[in-house]
C-alpha atoms as a PDB file:
ATOM      1  CA  MET A   1      37.288  54.647  -0.653  1.00  0.00           C
ATOM      2  CA  ILE A   2      38.011  54.616  -4.385  1.00  0.00           C
ATOM      3  CA  LYS A   3      36.819  58.229  -4.740  1.00  0.00           C
ATOM      4  CA  LYS A   4      39.218  59.328  -1.995  1.00  0.00           C
ATOM      5  CA  SER A   5      42.136  57.491  -3.622  1.00  0.00           C
ATOM      6  CA  VAL A   6      41.291  59.033  -7.017  1.00  0.00           C
ATOM      7  CA  PHE A   7      41.143  62.482  -5.391  1.00  0.00           C
ATOM      8  CA  ASN A   8      44.496  61.887  -3.663  1.00  0.00           C
ATOM      9  CA  LEU A   9      46.027  60.643  -6.922  1.00  0.00           C
ATOM     10  CA  SER A  10      44.720  63.747  -8.725  1.00  0.00           C
ATOM     11  CA  ILE A  11      46.211  66.065  -6.105  1.00  0.00           C
ATOM     12  CA  MET A  12      49.533  64.215  -6.237  1.00  0.00           C
ATOM     13  CA  THR A  13      49.499  64.403 -10.044  1.00  0.00           C
ATOM     14  CA  ILE A  14      48.874  68.149 -10.045  1.00  0.00           C
ATOM     15  CA  LEU A  15      51.606  68.722  -7.463  1.00  0.00           C
ATOM     16  CA  SER A  16      54.062  66.617  -9.415  1.00  0.00           C
ATOM     17  CA  PHE A  17      53.187  68.603 -12.569  1.00  0.00           C
ATOM     18  CA  LEU A  18      53.955  71.848 -10.769  1.00  0.00           C
ATOM     19  CA  THR A  19      57.247  70.659  -9.298  1.00  0.00           C
ATOM     20  CA  MET A  20      58.482  69.109 -12.540  1.00  0.00           C
ATOM     21  CA  CYS A  21      57.716  72.052 -14.838  1.00  0.00           C
ATOM     22  CA  THR A  22      61.348  73.126 -15.079  1.00  0.00           C
ATOM     23  CA  ALA A  23      62.659  69.571 -15.531  1.00  0.00           C
ATOM     24  CA  VAL A  24      61.674  69.177 -19.196  1.00  0.00           C
ATOM     25  CA  ARG A  25      62.489  70.965 -22.404  1.00  0.00           C
ATOM     26  CA  VAL A  26      59.528  73.238 -23.081  1.00  0.00           C
ATOM     27  CA  LYS A  27      60.209  74.142 -26.714  1.00  0.00           C
ATOM     28  CA  VAL A  28      61.602  71.964 -29.489  1.00  0.00           C
ATOM     29  CA  GLN A  29      62.365  72.686 -33.140  1.00  0.00           C
ATOM     30  CA  PRO A  30      62.294  70.423 -36.202  1.00  0.00           C
ATOM     31  CA  PRO A  31      65.750  69.235 -37.310  1.00  0.00           C
ATOM     32  CA  ALA A  32      67.315  69.934 -40.683  1.00  0.00           C
ATOM     33  CA  PRO A  33      65.173  68.580 -43.565  1.00  0.00           C
ATOM     34  CA  ASP A  34      67.444  65.610 -44.392  1.00  0.00           C
ATOM     35  CA  ILE A  35      67.515  64.478 -40.755  1.00  0.00           C
ATOM     36  CA  ARG A  36      63.783  64.992 -40.405  1.00  0.00           C
ATOM     37  CA  ILE A  37      62.963  62.901 -43.499  1.00  0.00           C
ATOM     38  CA  ALA A  38      65.191  60.024 -42.348  1.00  0.00           C
ATOM     39  CA  ARG A  39      63.818  60.191 -38.807  1.00  0.00           C
ATOM     40  CA  GLU A  40      60.200  60.159 -39.973  1.00  0.00           C
ATOM     41  CA  ALA A  41      60.873  57.156 -42.219  1.00  0.00           C
ATOM     42  CA  GLN A  42      62.426  55.304 -39.282  1.00  0.00           C
ATOM     43  CA  MET A  43      59.489  56.093 -36.988  1.00  0.00           C
ATOM     44  CA  ILE A  44      56.934  54.948 -39.573  1.00  0.00           C
ATOM     45  CA  ALA A  45      58.879  51.731 -40.222  1.00  0.00           C
ATOM     46  CA  GLN A  46      59.065  50.893 -36.517  1.00  0.00           C
ATOM     47  CA  VAL A  47      55.397  51.643 -35.835  1.00  0.00           C
ATOM     48  CA  THR A  48      54.169  49.646 -38.840  1.00  0.00           C
ATOM     49  CA  THR A  49      56.459  46.716 -38.010  1.00  0.00           C
ATOM     50  CA  LEU A  50      55.859  46.540 -34.258  1.00  0.00           C
ATOM     51  CA  GLY A  51      52.438  48.143 -33.820  1.00  0.00           C
ATOM     52  CA  ALA A  52      49.050  46.481 -33.511  1.00  0.00           C
ATOM     53  CA  ASP A  53      45.473  47.691 -33.404  1.00  0.00           C
ATOM     54  CA  GLY A  54      44.794  49.654 -30.251  1.00  0.00           C
ATOM     55  CA  ASP A  55      48.400  50.553 -29.451  1.00  0.00           C
ATOM     56  CA  TRP A  56      49.081  54.053 -28.197  1.00  0.00           C
ATOM     57  CA  LEU A  57      51.324  56.630 -29.809  1.00  0.00           C
ATOM     58  CA  VAL A  58      52.631  58.933 -27.090  1.00  0.00           C
ATOM     59  CA  VAL A  59      54.373  61.860 -28.701  1.00  0.00           C
ATOM     60  CA  ARG A  60      56.094  65.206 -28.256  1.00  0.00           C
ATOM     61  CA  GLY A  61      55.116  67.596 -31.019  1.00  0.00           C
ATOM     62  CA  TYR A  62      56.494  70.872 -32.349  1.00  0.00           C
ATOM     63  CA  LYS A  63      53.348  73.035 -32.090  1.00  0.00           C
ATOM     64  CA  ASP A  64      52.736  75.804 -29.570  1.00  0.00           C
ATOM     65  CA  SER A  65      49.934  73.700 -28.091  1.00  0.00           C
ATOM     66  CA  ASP A  66      52.477  70.901 -27.493  1.00  0.00           C
ATOM     67  CA  ASN A  67      54.719  73.378 -25.707  1.00  0.00           C
ATOM     68  CA  ARG A  68      51.822  74.436 -23.479  1.00  0.00           C
ATOM     69  CA  VAL A  69      51.015  70.825 -22.535  1.00  0.00           C
ATOM     70  CA  VAL A  70      54.661  70.139 -21.639  1.00  0.00           C
ATOM     71  CA  ARG A  71      54.861  73.348 -19.628  1.00  0.00           C
ATOM     72  CA  PHE A  72      51.661  72.526 -17.718  1.00  0.00           C
ATOM     73  CA  THR A  73      52.327  68.837 -17.048  1.00  0.00           C
ATOM     74  CA  GLY A  74      56.091  68.940 -16.549  1.00  0.00           C
ATOM     75  CA  MET A  75      56.265  65.738 -18.612  1.00  0.00           C
ATOM     76  CA  PRO A  76      58.149  65.388 -21.905  1.00  0.00           C
ATOM     77  CA  PHE A  77      55.113  64.256 -23.936  1.00  0.00           C
ATOM     78  CA  SER A  78      52.327  66.406 -25.323  1.00  0.00           C
ATOM     79  CA  HIS A  79      49.809  64.233 -27.188  1.00  0.00           C
ATOM     80  CA  THR A  80      48.420  60.732 -27.532  1.00  0.00           C
ATOM     81  CA  ALA A  81      46.702  58.874 -30.377  1.00  0.00           C
ATOM     82  CA  LEU A  82      45.289  55.395 -30.977  1.00  0.00           C
ATOM     83  CA  TYR A  83      46.878  53.293 -33.709  1.00  0.00           C
ATOM     84  CA  ASP A  84      44.797  51.515 -36.354  1.00  0.00           C
ATOM     85  CA  ALA A  85      47.377  49.097 -37.763  1.00  0.00           C
ATOM     86  CA  GLY A  86      45.233  47.764 -40.610  1.00  0.00           C
ATOM     87  CA  ARG A  87      44.775  51.217 -42.100  1.00  0.00           C
ATOM     88  CA  GLN A  88      48.070  52.774 -40.914  1.00  0.00           C
ATOM     89  CA  GLU A  89      46.033  55.591 -39.409  1.00  0.00           C
ATOM     90  CA  VAL A  90      45.665  57.111 -35.995  1.00  0.00           C
ATOM     91  CA  ILE A  91      42.482  58.164 -34.267  1.00  0.00           C
ATOM     92  CA  GLU A  92      43.078  61.226 -32.168  1.00  0.00           C
ATOM     93  CA  SER A  93      41.367  64.173 -30.552  1.00  0.00           C
ATOM     94  CA  ASN A  94      42.593  67.732 -30.738  1.00  0.00           C
ATOM     95  CA  LYS A  95      40.922  71.087 -31.373  1.00  0.00           C
ATOM     96  CA  GLN A  96      39.240  69.499 -34.433  1.00  0.00           C
ATOM     97  CA  GLY A  97      37.586  66.933 -32.168  1.00  0.00           C
ATOM     98  CA  VAL A  98      37.898  63.172 -32.653  1.00  0.00           C
ATOM     99  CA  HIS A  99      39.165  62.432 -36.162  1.00  0.00           C
ATOM    100  CA  ILE A 100      41.396  60.223 -38.305  1.00  0.00           C
ATOM    101  CA  THR A 101      44.935  61.194 -39.280  1.00  0.00           C
ATOM    102  CA  PRO A 102      47.256  59.219 -41.573  1.00  0.00           C
ATOM    103  CA  LEU A 103      50.200  57.846 -39.584  1.00  0.00           C
ATOM    104  CA  ALA A 104      52.678  59.724 -41.794  1.00  0.00           C
ATOM    105  CA  ASP A 105      50.927  63.043 -41.088  1.00  0.00           C
ATOM    106  CA  LEU A 106      51.152  62.550 -37.325  1.00  0.00           C
ATOM    107  CA  VAL A 107      54.799  61.496 -37.528  1.00  0.00           C
ATOM    108  CA  HIS A 108      55.614  64.619 -39.573  1.00  0.00           C
ATOM    109  CA  ILE A 109      54.732  66.910 -36.661  1.00  0.00           C
ATOM    110  CA  VAL A 110      56.445  65.027 -33.813  1.00  0.00           C
ATOM    111  CA  TRP A 111      59.879  65.435 -32.293  1.00  0.00           C
ATOM    112  CA  ARG A 112      59.719  62.172 -30.323  1.00  0.00           C
ATOM    113  CA  LEU A 113      57.425  59.149 -30.556  1.00  0.00           C
ATOM    114  CA  LEU A 114      56.785  56.201 -28.289  1.00  0.00           C
ATOM    115  CA  LEU A 115      54.789  53.151 -29.357  1.00  0.00           C
ATOM    116  CA  VAL A 116      53.097  51.744 -26.250  1.00  0.00           C
ATOM    117  CA  ARG A 117      51.147  48.492 -25.923  1.00  0.00           C
ATOM    118  CA  PRO A 118      48.358  49.059 -23.367  1.00  0.00           C
ATOM    119  CA  ALA A 119      48.308  46.677 -20.418  1.00  0.00           C
ATOM    120  CA  TRP A 120      44.635  46.082 -21.242  1.00  0.00           C
ATOM    121  CA  ALA A 121      45.165  45.161 -24.926  1.00  0.00           C
ATOM    122  CA  LYS A 122      44.566  41.441 -24.554  1.00  0.00           C
ATOM    123  CA  ASP A 123      42.188  38.957 -26.176  1.00  0.00           C
ATOM    124  CA  GLY A 124      41.138  41.251 -29.011  1.00  0.00           C
ATOM    125  CA  ALA A 125      40.730  44.337 -26.824  1.00  0.00           C
ATOM    126  CA  GLY A 126      42.965  46.351 -29.158  1.00  0.00           C
ATOM    127  CA  ASN A 127      40.680  45.650 -32.135  1.00  0.00           C
ATOM    128  CA  GLN A 128      37.657  46.548 -30.019  1.00  0.00           C
ATOM    129  CA  ALA A 129      39.355  49.783 -28.944  1.00  0.00           C
ATOM    130  CA  VAL A 130      39.848  50.791 -32.589  1.00  0.00           C
ATOM    131  CA  MET A 131      36.188  50.077 -33.393  1.00  0.00           C
ATOM    132  CA  ARG A 132      35.058  52.094 -30.359  1.00  0.00           C
ATOM    133  CA  ALA A 133      37.341  54.973 -31.331  1.00  0.00           C
ATOM    134  CA  ARG A 134      35.984  54.963 -34.881  1.00  0.00           C
ATOM    135  CA  ALA A 135      32.458  55.152 -33.481  1.00  0.00           C
ATOM    136  CA  LEU A 136      33.469  58.366 -31.657  1.00  0.00           C
ATOM    137  CA  ILE A 137      34.762  60.154 -34.764  1.00  0.00           C
ATOM    138  CA  GLY A 138      33.110  63.557 -34.968  1.00  0.00           C
ATOM    139  CA  LYS A 139      32.775  64.010 -31.201  1.00  0.00           C
ATOM    140  CA  PRO A 140      33.953  67.449 -30.045  1.00  0.00           C
ATOM    141  CA  TYR A 141      37.090  68.300 -28.096  1.00  0.00           C
ATOM    142  CA  ASP A 142      36.772  68.482 -24.300  1.00  0.00           C
ATOM    143  CA  ASN A 143      38.289  71.848 -23.364  1.00  0.00           C
ATOM    144  CA  TRP A 144      36.950  71.739 -19.804  1.00  0.00           C
ATOM    145  CA  GLY A 145      38.317  68.226 -19.332  1.00  0.00           C
ATOM    146  CA  LEU A 146      41.793  69.726 -19.327  1.00  0.00           C
ATOM    147  CA  ILE A 147      41.021  71.231 -15.913  1.00  0.00           C
ATOM    148  CA  GLY A 148      39.171  68.190 -14.572  1.00  0.00           C
ATOM    149  CA  LEU A 149      35.606  69.181 -15.518  1.00  0.00           C
ATOM    150  CA  ASN A 150      34.981  66.293 -17.888  1.00  0.00           C
ATOM    151  CA  ASP A 151      32.076  66.260 -20.337  1.00  0.00           C
ATOM    152  CA  PRO A 152      31.097  62.617 -20.969  1.00  0.00           C
ATOM    153  CA  ASP A 153      30.324  63.313 -24.630  1.00  0.00           C
ATOM    154  CA  LYS A 154      33.566  65.188 -25.450  1.00  0.00           C
ATOM    155  CA  TYR A 155      37.171  64.023 -25.421  1.00  0.00           C
ATOM    156  CA  TYR A 156      40.664  65.443 -25.237  1.00  0.00           C
ATOM    157  CA  CYS A 157      43.415  63.155 -26.511  1.00  0.00           C
ATOM    158  CA  SER A 158      44.094  61.247 -23.297  1.00  0.00           C
ATOM    159  CA  GLU A 159      40.420  60.881 -22.403  1.00  0.00           C
ATOM    160  CA  LEU A 160      39.772  59.288 -25.774  1.00  0.00           C
ATOM    161  CA  LEU A 161      42.404  56.608 -25.236  1.00  0.00           C
ATOM    162  CA  LEU A 162      41.050  55.627 -21.840  1.00  0.00           C
ATOM    163  CA  GLU A 163      37.427  55.778 -23.017  1.00  0.00           C
ATOM    164  CA  VAL A 164      37.972  53.137 -25.693  1.00  0.00           C
ATOM    165  CA  TYR A 165      39.551  50.782 -23.127  1.00  0.00           C
ATOM    166  CA  LYS A 166      37.181  51.574 -20.247  1.00  0.00           C
ATOM    167  CA  ASP A 167      35.627  48.077 -20.176  1.00  0.00           C
ATOM    168  CA  CYS A 168      39.101  46.543 -19.743  1.00  0.00           C
ATOM    169  CA  ILE A 169      40.387  48.795 -16.963  1.00  0.00           C
ATOM    170  CA  PRO A 170      40.177  47.141 -13.524  1.00  0.00           C
ATOM    171  CA  ALA A 171      37.602  48.760 -11.248  1.00  0.00           C
ATOM    172  CA  ASP A 172      40.224  49.332  -8.532  1.00  0.00           C
ATOM    173  CA  GLU A 173      42.632  51.127 -10.910  1.00  0.00           C
ATOM    174  CA  PRO A 174      42.722  54.751  -9.729  1.00  0.00           C
ATOM    175  CA  MET A 175      42.480  57.231 -12.559  1.00  0.00           C
ATOM    176  CA  PRO A 176      43.366  60.896 -12.116  1.00  0.00           C
ATOM    177  CA  ALA A 177      40.824  63.589 -12.961  1.00  0.00           C
ATOM    178  CA  ILE A 178      43.280  65.099 -15.448  1.00  0.00           C
ATOM    179  CA  ILE A 179      45.152  62.591 -17.593  1.00  0.00           C
ATOM    180  CA  ALA A 180      48.479  63.742 -19.029  1.00  0.00           C
ATOM    181  CA  PRO A 181      49.976  62.113 -22.140  1.00  0.00           C
ATOM    182  CA  GLY A 182      53.083  61.089 -20.189  1.00  0.00           C
ATOM    183  CA  GLN A 183      50.999  59.014 -17.774  1.00  0.00           C
ATOM    184  CA  PHE A 184      50.248  56.425 -20.451  1.00  0.00           C
ATOM    185  CA  LEU A 185      53.717  54.994 -19.917  1.00  0.00           C
ATOM    186  CA  PHE A 186      52.487  53.707 -16.528  1.00  0.00           C
ATOM    187  CA  TRP A 187      49.662  51.704 -18.142  1.00  0.00           C
ATOM    188  CA  GLY A 188      51.531  49.941 -20.915  1.00  0.00           C
ATOM    189  CA  LYS A 189      54.767  48.536 -22.296  1.00  0.00           C
ATOM    190  CA  ILE A 190      57.022  50.659 -24.504  1.00  0.00           C
ATOM    191  CA  LEU A 191      57.682  48.781 -27.747  1.00  0.00           C
ATOM    192  CA  TYR A 192      59.599  51.558 -29.485  1.00  0.00           C
ATOM    193  CA  ASP A 193      61.060  54.926 -28.535  1.00  0.00           C
ATOM    194  CA  SER A 194      62.401  57.162 -31.293  1.00  0.00           C
ATOM    195  CA  GLY A 195      64.449  58.961 -28.630  1.00  0.00           C
ATOM    196  CA  PRO A 196      64.739  62.728 -28.275  1.00  0.00           C
ATOM    197  CA  LEU A 197      66.694  64.827 -30.708  1.00  0.00           C
ATOM    198  CA  ASN A 198      69.680  66.713 -29.333  1.00  0.00           C
END
């Protein structure tokens, strides 16, 4: 029964991606340098003030790969990362595999940022998620996972975030085969939204 509901959810997700592709802005550009510097400072201040271990950063970046994700998913977000509040770092997976990035470096390449508290981040689960993510540093990127052929020892950005919370996710929670960055808004509470640039 659960497998059928996951399959149905995956089909619905893919169909919604295809129908929404023209509803979002596919390409974005960095603003003027003075605006960009002020905006980055504001984002960092909000994340460091409001964020906790294990929170998610759901972002829309400037890179061509970000544009491709937005085009494919039809959602306005292109990447996700896990926040390590104590170190002001993020643990993320991209073409480099699972690695650490300073918060300021991630913020420098994003057009919009949401800080999301996972629904499962209770009773120390956020701290545990950070420790699990750190244990996965060095794992390769899951290219085939992007089309639903997941390798259990590789991770794309969204897979990584669910993997580190897998023990907290209810067994009856249907998860799609392909997890888009924008879907993380359904599994958490938005604590901060930098808002889109005009």
